[in-house]
Every structure is written in C-alpha cells, then in structure tokens.
C-alpha cells in the first residue's frame, strides 16, 4: 500500500526538478538575450572571445541540468550517471572561466555600478559557493536525496547575474539587491515546496540554502573592506 502510494509522489518530485530547471533556464535567457543570445537583434557590441567562452560554458551547464532532470524523470538513471561525468568536467570549466572573467573585468575597470575591485567580490563568491555545492553534491552522488537538492541549489546560485540583466525598472533601480532578492525568493520557494511535500526540511536544502542566501549579504559586507581591497588588488596585479 505504501509503495503504491509513493509512486505518484516520486513522479511529482521528479517533475519538480524539471520545472525548476526550466524556469532557471528561462531566467538566464531573459537576462542575457540582449547582450548574448539575441545580441545581433538588439545591436549589442561584439563580445571578446573570453566572454563568448563564458557564455558557452554557462549555457551548457543549464542545458545539461535540464537534460539531467528530464533523464531522472524518465527513470534513465544509467545515462544520467554517464552524463554526470560530463557535468563534473563542466563544473570545473565554470569555475576556471568564471573566475578568469571576474578578474579580467576588474582589471579592465568593467562594473555594473560599484567600483570594479569592490564589485569583483560578487562573482568570485558566486564561484566559491557554486564550487562548495557542486563538490558536495558529487561527493554524495550515491545519496540521491542530497545530490539532487545540492545540484539544484548550485544551479540557482548562478541566477543573480542573469536577473541583474533583465530589463525591468524594478531591477535596474537597485541591481544588486534586486538580483540577490529575487534569486533568494526562487530558492526559498523551492525549499518551501520540497519541505511541504516531504513534511520536513531536508538538511541539504537547509544548510545549502542557508549557504547561498547568507552569502549574499555577507559578500556585500566584505566588499570595500581593507582586507578585501588588498586581496582584490593582488588578484588584478
């Protein structure tokens, strides 16, 4: 009886990850449509090779995440595990390219508003949080309940950069706070839904969600401090 009744619940849970992945991909598309995906339509300037590589790597991650979620929903677990090896390599590329892009932007004086060396804390902490979540998810890859939640959080942790570029006045009026706030709302909505379904807060969503959400104000507190500025100058030297 319990086994039979658990099947629909498992199916719903699998679809939840597919929908979350799809919504995240839509956010990325909306955010980078003008400057990357549809830049020829909007007349955006040509991007340097490093930025193209960054866009390709990030896009590949979201596409792969959707594919992985759909494979689990279709119960094609063996193929999901094989693609997981590709995902691990892609995560390393994200860290390498993302860190390089952040340092290069600061070195060139590029920033959406704050001084470049101050702003650099945001993408670099993004990379650190992503690394912790993905690394832990891979370590617990045989614990499906932990693995899938941490991989979702790792993916959602990348969304502020896309949200910040969505052309809405609400976001433009306070880019950093709006990007962090909307990303946090998405994460908390996923955690709340999962908690409601399971009747308890899963530890992976608990500490993982806390890591992402808490990192947002903490990096703002760190930015501009003497300690950070010394480190930032050392990175761009």
Foldseek 3Di string as FASTA:
>chain_A
DVVVVCVVLVLVVLVLQLVLLVVLLVLLCLLCVCPPVVVVVNVHDDDDPLVVLLVVLLNVLSVLSNVLSVCVSVVVVVVSVVCVVVNVVSLVVNLVSQLVVLLVCLLVQHDPDPTSLLVSLLSNVLNVLLCVLQVVLVVVVVVVVLNSLSSSLSSLLPNLSSNLRNPDPVCVVPPLVRSLVVSLVSLVVSQVVVCVSVVHRDVSSVVSSCSSNVVSVVSNVVGPDPVSSVVSVVSND
